[in-house]
PDB file of all heavy atoms in Angstrom:
ATOM      1  N   GLN A   1      41.608 193.676  31.722  1.00  0.00           N
ATOM      2  CA  GLN A   1      41.796 192.325  31.611  1.00  0.00           C
ATOM      3  C   GLN A   1      42.782 191.953  32.539  1.00  0.00           C
ATOM      4  O   GLN A   1      44.017 191.992  32.449  1.00  0.00           O
ATOM      5  CB  GLN A   1      42.398 191.963  30.093  1.00  0.00           C
ATOM      6  CG  GLN A   1      41.480 192.405  29.017  1.00  0.00           C
ATOM      7  CD  GLN A   1      40.074 191.703  29.130  1.00  0.00           C
ATOM      8  OE1 GLN A   1      40.007 190.511  29.407  1.00  0.00           O
ATOM      9  NE2 GLN A   1      38.970 192.310  28.873  1.00  0.00           N
ATOM     10  N   LEU A   2      42.318 191.581  33.804  1.00  0.00           N
ATOM     11  CA  LEU A   2      43.318 191.468  34.757  1.00  0.00           C
ATOM     12  C   LEU A   2      43.952 190.078  34.873  1.00  0.00           C
ATOM     13  O   LEU A   2      44.900 189.865  35.655  1.00  0.00           O
ATOM     14  CB  LEU A   2      42.488 191.633  36.191  1.00  0.00           C
ATOM     15  CG  LEU A   2      42.050 193.005  36.510  1.00  0.00           C
ATOM     16  CD1 LEU A   2      41.039 193.098  37.520  1.00  0.00           C
ATOM     17  CD2 LEU A   2      43.203 193.898  36.829  1.00  0.00           C
ATOM     18  N   LEU A   3      43.640 189.162  33.955  1.00  0.00           N
ATOM     19  CA  LEU A   3      44.570 187.936  33.774  1.00  0.00           C
ATOM     20  C   LEU A   3      45.070 188.126  32.315  1.00  0.00           C
ATOM     21  O   LEU A   3      44.281 188.063  31.523  1.00  0.00           O
ATOM     22  CB  LEU A   3      43.677 186.714  33.902  1.00  0.00           C
ATOM     23  CG  LEU A   3      43.316 186.363  35.211  1.00  0.00           C
ATOM     24  CD1 LEU A   3      42.635 185.038  35.301  1.00  0.00           C
ATOM     25  CD2 LEU A   3      44.543 186.180  36.154  1.00  0.00           C
ATOM     26  N   LYS A   4      46.395 188.124  32.267  1.00  0.00           N
ATOM     27  CA  LYS A   4      47.015 188.068  30.958  1.00  0.00           C
ATOM     28  C   LYS A   4      46.828 186.847  30.127  1.00  0.00           C
ATOM     29  O   LYS A   4      47.014 185.790  30.743  1.00  0.00           O
ATOM     30  CB  LYS A   4      48.560 188.343  31.185  1.00  0.00           C
ATOM     31  CG  LYS A   4      48.882 189.754  31.609  1.00  0.00           C
ATOM     32  CD  LYS A   4      50.425 189.941  31.730  1.00  0.00           C
ATOM     33  CE  LYS A   4      50.962 189.104  32.964  1.00  0.00           C
ATOM     34  NZ  LYS A   4      52.358 189.248  33.131  1.00  0.00           N
ATOM     35  N   GLY A   5      46.463 187.071  29.029  1.00  0.00           N
ATOM     36  CA  GLY A   5      46.372 185.941  28.017  1.00  0.00           C
ATOM     37  C   GLY A   5      45.146 184.991  28.291  1.00  0.00           C
ATOM     38  O   GLY A   5      45.025 183.917  27.606  1.00  0.00           O
ATOM     39  N   SER A   6      44.243 185.318  29.289  1.00  0.00           N
ATOM     40  CA  SER A   6      43.217 184.477  29.639  1.00  0.00           C
ATOM     41  C   SER A   6      42.070 184.657  28.625  1.00  0.00           C
ATOM     42  O   SER A   6      41.646 185.790  28.286  1.00  0.00           O
ATOM     43  CB  SER A   6      42.660 184.647  30.998  1.00  0.00           C
ATOM     44  OG  SER A   6      41.571 183.988  31.262  1.00  0.00           O
ATOM     45  N   THR A   7      41.437 183.665  28.248  1.00  0.00           N
ATOM     46  CA  THR A   7      40.142 183.809  27.384  1.00  0.00           C
ATOM     47  C   THR A   7      38.916 183.626  28.343  1.00  0.00           C
ATOM     48  O   THR A   7      37.783 183.761  27.687  1.00  0.00           O
ATOM     49  CB  THR A   7      40.133 182.650  26.270  1.00  0.00           C
ATOM     50  OG1 THR A   7      40.239 181.393  27.053  1.00  0.00           O
ATOM     51  CG2 THR A   7      41.277 182.897  25.224  1.00  0.00           C
ATOM     52  N   ASP A   8      39.116 183.463  29.583  1.00  0.00           N
ATOM     53  CA  ASP A   8      37.911 183.288  30.471  1.00  0.00           C
ATOM     54  C   ASP A   8      37.294 184.661  30.552  1.00  0.00           C
ATOM     55  O   ASP A   8      37.893 185.646  31.081  1.00  0.00           O
ATOM     56  CB  ASP A   8      38.414 182.854  31.838  1.00  0.00           C
ATOM     57  CG  ASP A   8      37.287 182.710  32.778  1.00  0.00           C
ATOM     58  OD1 ASP A   8      36.243 183.165  32.558  1.00  0.00           O
ATOM     59  OD2 ASP A   8      37.495 182.150  33.881  1.00  0.00           O
ATOM     60  N   PRO A   9      36.111 184.791  30.204  1.00  0.00           N
ATOM     61  CA  PRO A   9      35.369 186.176  30.305  1.00  0.00           C
ATOM     62  C   PRO A   9      35.279 186.651  31.855  1.00  0.00           C
ATOM     63  O   PRO A   9      35.174 187.869  32.024  1.00  0.00           O
ATOM     64  CB  PRO A   9      33.926 186.000  29.742  1.00  0.00           C
ATOM     65  CG  PRO A   9      33.720 184.523  29.752  1.00  0.00           C
ATOM     66  CD  PRO A   9      35.122 183.918  29.719  1.00  0.00           C
ATOM     67  N   ASN A  10      35.263 185.678  32.787  1.00  0.00           N
ATOM     68  CA  ASN A  10      35.329 186.094  34.144  1.00  0.00           C
ATOM     69  C   ASN A  10      36.626 186.585  34.705  1.00  0.00           C
ATOM     70  O   ASN A  10      36.691 186.952  35.782  1.00  0.00           O
ATOM     71  CB  ASN A  10      34.694 184.998  35.014  1.00  0.00           C
ATOM     72  CG  ASN A  10      33.302 184.665  34.793  1.00  0.00           C
ATOM     73  OD1 ASN A  10      32.550 185.540  34.263  1.00  0.00           O
ATOM     74  ND2 ASN A  10      32.869 183.486  34.946  1.00  0.00           N
ATOM     75  N   ALA A  11      37.623 186.590  33.709  1.00  0.00           N
ATOM     76  CA  ALA A  11      38.944 187.043  34.253  1.00  0.00           C
ATOM     77  C   ALA A  11      39.182 188.491  33.971  1.00  0.00           C
ATOM     78  O   ALA A  11      40.327 189.042  34.121  1.00  0.00           O
ATOM     79  CB  ALA A  11      40.090 186.240  33.498  1.00  0.00           C
ATOM     80  N   SER A  12      38.064 189.204  33.822  1.00  0.00           N
ATOM     81  CA  SER A  12      38.267 190.762  33.645  1.00  0.00           C
ATOM     82  C   SER A  12      37.103 191.405  34.469  1.00  0.00           C
ATOM     83  O   SER A  12      36.128 190.819  34.597  1.00  0.00           O
ATOM     84  CB  SER A  12      38.079 191.194  32.196  1.00  0.00           C
ATOM     85  OG  SER A  12      36.918 190.809  31.636  1.00  0.00           O
ATOM     86  N   VAL A  13      37.477 192.634  34.787  1.00  0.00           N
ATOM     87  CA  VAL A  13      36.473 193.550  35.537  1.00  0.00           C
ATOM     88  C   VAL A  13      36.421 194.906  34.730  1.00  0.00           C
ATOM     89  O   VAL A  13      37.336 195.389  34.254  1.00  0.00           O
ATOM     90  CB  VAL A  13      37.013 193.831  36.872  1.00  0.00           C
ATOM     91  CG1 VAL A  13      36.113 195.023  37.535  1.00  0.00           C
ATOM     92  CG2 VAL A  13      36.889 192.581  37.782  1.00  0.00           C
ATOM     93  N   SER A  14      35.168 195.319  34.393  1.00  0.00           N
ATOM     94  CA  SER A  14      34.962 196.615  33.711  1.00  0.00           C
ATOM     95  C   SER A  14      34.676 197.637  34.671  1.00  0.00           C
ATOM     96  O   SER A  14      33.926 197.445  35.643  1.00  0.00           O
ATOM     97  CB  SER A  14      33.862 196.431  32.732  1.00  0.00           C
ATOM     98  OG  SER A  14      34.227 195.460  31.864  1.00  0.00           O
ATOM     99  N   TYR A  15      35.086 198.898  34.507  1.00  0.00           N
ATOM    100  CA  TYR A  15      34.696 199.958  35.359  1.00  0.00           C
ATOM    101  C   TYR A  15      34.746 201.277  34.612  1.00  0.00           C
ATOM    102  O   TYR A  15      35.524 201.406  33.609  1.00  0.00           O
ATOM    103  CB  TYR A  15      35.539 200.041  36.577  1.00  0.00           C
ATOM    104  CG  TYR A  15      36.997 200.239  36.223  1.00  0.00           C
ATOM    105  CD1 TYR A  15      37.498 201.630  36.265  1.00  0.00           C
ATOM    106  CD2 TYR A  15      37.890 199.205  36.046  1.00  0.00           C
ATOM    107  CE1 TYR A  15      38.911 201.891  36.011  1.00  0.00           C
ATOM    108  CE2 TYR A  15      39.282 199.470  35.728  1.00  0.00           C
ATOM    109  CZ  TYR A  15      39.767 200.818  35.747  1.00  0.00           C
ATOM    110  OH  TYR A  15      41.069 201.022  35.459  1.00  0.00           O
ATOM    111  N   TYR A  16      33.817 202.172  34.985  1.00  0.00           N
ATOM    112  CA  TYR A  16      33.937 203.565  34.422  1.00  0.00           C
ATOM    113  C   TYR A  16      35.184 204.259  34.877  1.00  0.00           C
ATOM    114  O   TYR A  16      35.550 204.222  36.074  1.00  0.00           O
ATOM    115  CB  TYR A  16      32.756 204.377  34.889  1.00  0.00           C
ATOM    116  CG  TYR A  16      31.445 203.908  34.266  1.00  0.00           C
ATOM    117  CD1 TYR A  16      30.507 203.022  34.866  1.00  0.00           C
ATOM    118  CD2 TYR A  16      31.201 204.342  32.920  1.00  0.00           C
ATOM    119  CE1 TYR A  16      29.397 202.725  34.220  1.00  0.00           C
ATOM    120  CE2 TYR A  16      30.061 203.862  32.334  1.00  0.00           C
ATOM    121  CZ  TYR A  16      28.971 203.049  33.043  1.00  0.00           C
ATOM    122  OH  TYR A  16      27.940 202.601  32.368  1.00  0.00           O
ATOM    123  N   CYS A  17      35.831 204.880  33.961  1.00  0.00           N
ATOM    124  CA  CYS A  17      37.132 205.489  34.341  1.00  0.00           C
ATOM    125  C   CYS A  17      36.944 206.749  35.236  1.00  0.00           C
ATOM    126  O   CYS A  17      35.950 207.474  35.098  1.00  0.00           O
ATOM    127  CB  CYS A  17      38.044 205.932  33.159  1.00  0.00           C
ATOM    128  SG  CYS A  17      37.266 206.479  31.809  1.00  0.00           S
ATOM    129  N   PRO A  18      37.761 206.898  36.207  1.00  0.00           N
ATOM    130  CA  PRO A  18      37.503 207.937  37.259  1.00  0.00           C
ATOM    131  C   PRO A  18      37.368 209.257  36.804  1.00  0.00           C
ATOM    132  O   PRO A  18      36.537 210.120  37.429  1.00  0.00           O
ATOM    133  CB  PRO A  18      38.726 207.781  38.314  1.00  0.00           C
ATOM    134  CG  PRO A  18      39.677 206.813  37.567  1.00  0.00           C
ATOM    135  CD  PRO A  18      38.972 206.164  36.611  1.00  0.00           C
ATOM    136  N   GLU A  19      38.105 209.692  35.728  1.00  0.00           N
ATOM    137  CA  GLU A  19      38.022 211.057  35.225  1.00  0.00           C
ATOM    138  C   GLU A  19      36.670 211.354  34.715  1.00  0.00           C
ATOM    139  O   GLU A  19      36.029 212.379  35.102  1.00  0.00           O
ATOM    140  CB  GLU A  19      39.006 211.310  34.109  1.00  0.00           C
ATOM    141  CG  GLU A  19      40.510 211.144  34.486  1.00  0.00           C
ATOM    142  CD  GLU A  19      40.984 209.629  34.574  1.00  0.00           C
ATOM    143  OE1 GLU A  19      40.127 208.736  34.208  1.00  0.00           O
ATOM    144  OE2 GLU A  19      41.985 209.373  35.263  1.00  0.00           O
ATOM    145  N   GLU A  20      35.992 210.399  34.063  1.00  0.00           N
ATOM    146  CA  GLU A  20      34.679 210.563  33.524  1.00  0.00           C
ATOM    147  C   GLU A  20      33.635 210.650  34.629  1.00  0.00           C
ATOM    148  O   GLU A  20      32.714 211.410  34.656  1.00  0.00           O
ATOM    149  CB  GLU A  20      34.302 209.358  32.640  1.00  0.00           C
ATOM    150  CG  GLU A  20      35.057 209.345  31.344  1.00  0.00           C
ATOM    151  CD  GLU A  20      34.795 210.458  30.396  1.00  0.00           C
ATOM    152  OE1 GLU A  20      33.635 210.778  30.397  1.00  0.00           O
ATOM    153  OE2 GLU A  20      35.690 211.110  29.728  1.00  0.00           O
ATOM    154  N   VAL A  21      33.840 209.740  35.668  1.00  0.00           N
ATOM    155  CA  VAL A  21      32.991 209.663  36.735  1.00  0.00           C
ATOM    156  C   VAL A  21      32.903 211.033  37.533  1.00  0.00           C
ATOM    157  O   VAL A  21      31.886 211.466  37.968  1.00  0.00           O
ATOM    158  CB  VAL A  21      33.328 208.504  37.747  1.00  0.00           C
ATOM    159  CG1 VAL A  21      32.424 208.559  38.981  1.00  0.00           C
ATOM    160  CG2 VAL A  21      33.085 207.163  37.009  1.00  0.00           C
ATOM    161  N   SER A  22      34.097 211.514  37.819  1.00  0.00           N
ATOM    162  CA  SER A  22      34.298 212.715  38.447  1.00  0.00           C
ATOM    163  C   SER A  22      33.475 213.919  37.754  1.00  0.00           C
ATOM    164  O   SER A  22      32.781 214.713  38.376  1.00  0.00           O
ATOM    165  CB  SER A  22      35.663 213.079  38.739  1.00  0.00           C
ATOM    166  OG  SER A  22      36.407 212.205  39.664  1.00  0.00           O
ATOM    167  N   LEU A  23      33.767 213.996  36.434  1.00  0.00           N
ATOM    168  CA  LEU A  23      33.067 215.014  35.697  1.00  0.00           C
ATOM    169  C   LEU A  23      31.607 214.768  35.774  1.00  0.00           C
ATOM    170  O   LEU A  23      30.743 215.703  35.829  1.00  0.00           O
ATOM    171  CB  LEU A  23      33.522 214.947  34.080  1.00  0.00           C
ATOM    172  CG  LEU A  23      34.941 215.332  33.777  1.00  0.00           C
ATOM    173  CD1 LEU A  23      35.300 214.930  32.469  1.00  0.00           C
ATOM    174  CD2 LEU A  23      35.136 216.871  34.095  1.00  0.00           C
ATOM    175  N   TRP A  24      31.116 213.488  35.615  1.00  0.00           N
ATOM    176  CA  TRP A  24      29.807 213.256  35.626  1.00  0.00           C
ATOM    177  C   TRP A  24      29.164 213.644  37.049  1.00  0.00           C
ATOM    178  O   TRP A  24      28.060 214.239  37.159  1.00  0.00           O
ATOM    179  CB  TRP A  24      29.493 211.883  35.389  1.00  0.00           C
ATOM    180  CG  TRP A  24      28.017 211.410  35.210  1.00  0.00           C
ATOM    181  CD1 TRP A  24      27.202 211.411  34.121  1.00  0.00           C
ATOM    182  CD2 TRP A  24      27.172 210.934  36.319  1.00  0.00           C
ATOM    183  NE1 TRP A  24      25.985 210.962  34.403  1.00  0.00           N
ATOM    184  CE2 TRP A  24      25.960 210.664  35.721  1.00  0.00           C
ATOM    185  CE3 TRP A  24      27.398 210.746  37.682  1.00  0.00           C
ATOM    186  CZ2 TRP A  24      24.887 210.156  36.537  1.00  0.00           C
ATOM    187  CZ3 TRP A  24      26.292 210.321  38.452  1.00  0.00           C
ATOM    188  CH2 TRP A  24      25.178 210.102  37.854  1.00  0.00           C
ATOM    189  N   ALA A  25      29.908 213.233  38.083  1.00  0.00           N
ATOM    190  CA  ALA A  25      29.411 213.507  39.490  1.00  0.00           C
ATOM    191  C   ALA A  25      29.286 215.063  39.741  1.00  0.00           C
ATOM    192  O   ALA A  25      28.359 215.494  40.314  1.00  0.00           O
ATOM    193  CB  ALA A  25      30.334 212.924  40.469  1.00  0.00           C
ATOM    194  N   LYS A  26      30.271 215.852  39.163  1.00  0.00           N
ATOM    195  CA  LYS A  26      30.279 217.260  39.341  1.00  0.00           C
ATOM    196  C   LYS A  26      28.910 217.834  38.594  1.00  0.00           C
ATOM    197  O   LYS A  26      28.223 218.548  39.117  1.00  0.00           O
ATOM    198  CB  LYS A  26      31.458 217.910  38.759  1.00  0.00           C
ATOM    199  CG  LYS A  26      32.639 217.902  39.650  1.00  0.00           C
ATOM    200  CD  LYS A  26      33.841 218.556  39.062  1.00  0.00           C
ATOM    201  CE  LYS A  26      35.000 218.341  39.900  1.00  0.00           C
ATOM    202  NZ  LYS A  26      36.262 218.479  39.320  1.00  0.00           N
ATOM    203  N   ALA A  27      28.759 217.376  37.334  1.00  0.00           N
ATOM    204  CA  ALA A  27      27.661 217.771  36.536  1.00  0.00           C
ATOM    205  C   ALA A  27      26.254 217.461  37.266  1.00  0.00           C
ATOM    206  O   ALA A  27      25.253 218.169  37.049  1.00  0.00           O
ATOM    207  CB  ALA A  27      27.673 217.281  35.174  1.00  0.00           C
ATOM    208  N   ASN A  28      26.194 216.447  37.929  1.00  0.00           N
ATOM    209  CA  ASN A  28      24.955 215.968  38.559  1.00  0.00           C
ATOM    210  C   ASN A  28      24.871 216.147  40.035  1.00  0.00           C
ATOM    211  O   ASN A  28      24.087 215.486  40.758  1.00  0.00           O
ATOM    212  CB  ASN A  28      24.766 214.527  38.293  1.00  0.00           C
ATOM    213  CG  ASN A  28      24.493 214.163  36.683  1.00  0.00           C
ATOM    214  OD1 ASN A  28      23.346 214.301  36.368  1.00  0.00           O
ATOM    215  ND2 ASN A  28      25.541 213.976  35.941  1.00  0.00           N
ATOM    216  N   ASP A  29      25.677 217.027  40.546  1.00  0.00           N
ATOM    217  CA  ASP A  29      25.712 217.418  41.944  1.00  0.00           C
ATOM    218  C   ASP A  29      25.838 216.155  42.896  1.00  0.00           C
ATOM    219  O   ASP A  29      25.253 216.056  43.992  1.00  0.00           O
ATOM    220  CB  ASP A  29      24.364 218.088  42.332  1.00  0.00           C
ATOM    221  CG  ASP A  29      24.203 219.468  41.734  1.00  0.00           C
ATOM    222  OD1 ASP A  29      25.313 220.098  41.654  1.00  0.00           O
ATOM    223  OD2 ASP A  29      23.181 219.842  41.327  1.00  0.00           O
ATOM    224  N   LEU A  30      26.712 215.329  42.433  1.00  0.00           N
ATOM    225  CA  LEU A  30      27.057 214.116  43.232  1.00  0.00           C
ATOM    226  C   LEU A  30      28.472 214.200  43.786  1.00  0.00           C
ATOM    227  O   LEU A  30      28.951 213.111  44.204  1.00  0.00           O
ATOM    228  CB  LEU A  30      26.891 212.797  42.414  1.00  0.00           C
ATOM    229  CG  LEU A  30      25.341 212.315  42.406  1.00  0.00           C
ATOM    230  CD1 LEU A  30      25.347 211.157  41.430  1.00  0.00           C
ATOM    231  CD2 LEU A  30      24.957 211.898  43.866  1.00  0.00           C
ATOM    232  N   MET A  31      29.136 215.397  43.742  1.00  0.00           N
ATOM    233  CA  MET A  31      30.568 215.414  44.208  1.00  0.00           C
ATOM    234  C   MET A  31      30.327 215.480  45.842  1.00  0.00           C
ATOM    235  O   MET A  31      29.621 216.284  46.252  1.00  0.00           O
ATOM    236  CB  MET A  31      31.135 216.634  43.772  1.00  0.00           C
ATOM    237  CG  MET A  31      32.132 216.451  42.508  1.00  0.00           C
ATOM    238  SD  MET A  31      33.145 214.942  42.577  1.00  0.00           S
ATOM    239  CE  MET A  31      34.667 215.631  43.123  1.00  0.00           C
ATOM    240  N   PRO A  32      31.085 214.580  46.455  1.00  0.00           N
ATOM    241  CA  PRO A  32      31.082 214.693  47.928  1.00  0.00           C
ATOM    242  C   PRO A  32      31.638 215.954  48.560  1.00  0.00           C
ATOM    243  O   PRO A  32      31.398 216.311  49.640  1.00  0.00           O
ATOM    244  CB  PRO A  32      32.038 213.505  48.331  1.00  0.00           C
ATOM    245  CG  PRO A  32      32.184 212.681  47.121  1.00  0.00           C
ATOM    246  CD  PRO A  32      31.948 213.636  46.039  1.00  0.00           C
ATOM    247  N   VAL A  33      32.527 216.729  47.787  1.00  0.00           N
ATOM    248  CA  VAL A  33      33.151 217.949  48.225  1.00  0.00           C
ATOM    249  C   VAL A  33      32.779 218.976  47.277  1.00  0.00           C
ATOM    250  O   VAL A  33      32.506 218.752  46.167  1.00  0.00           O
ATOM    251  CB  VAL A  33      34.614 217.848  48.451  1.00  0.00           C
ATOM    252  CG1 VAL A  33      35.004 217.013  49.693  1.00  0.00           C
ATOM    253  CG2 VAL A  33      35.341 217.171  47.345  1.00  0.00           C
ATOM    254  N   ASP A  34      32.965 220.196  47.730  1.00  0.00           N
ATOM    255  CA  ASP A  34      32.800 221.275  46.885  1.00  0.00           C
ATOM    256  C   ASP A  34      33.765 221.262  45.832  1.00  0.00           C
ATOM    257  O   ASP A  34      34.951 220.987  45.993  1.00  0.00           O
ATOM    258  CB  ASP A  34      33.203 222.688  47.617  1.00  0.00           C
ATOM    259  CG  ASP A  34      33.116 223.937  46.897  1.00  0.00           C
ATOM    260  OD1 ASP A  34      33.000 223.826  45.666  1.00  0.00           O
ATOM    261  OD2 ASP A  34      33.375 225.001  47.420  1.00  0.00           O
TER     262      ASP A  34
END
């Protein structure tokens, strides 16, 4: 929720957390490096 106290739904951005993405990428051979 990048705007504190805002009720505007456009005031936030959602994203997959990097730890999960890295695990998922490793499991699916999408890691850019060994």
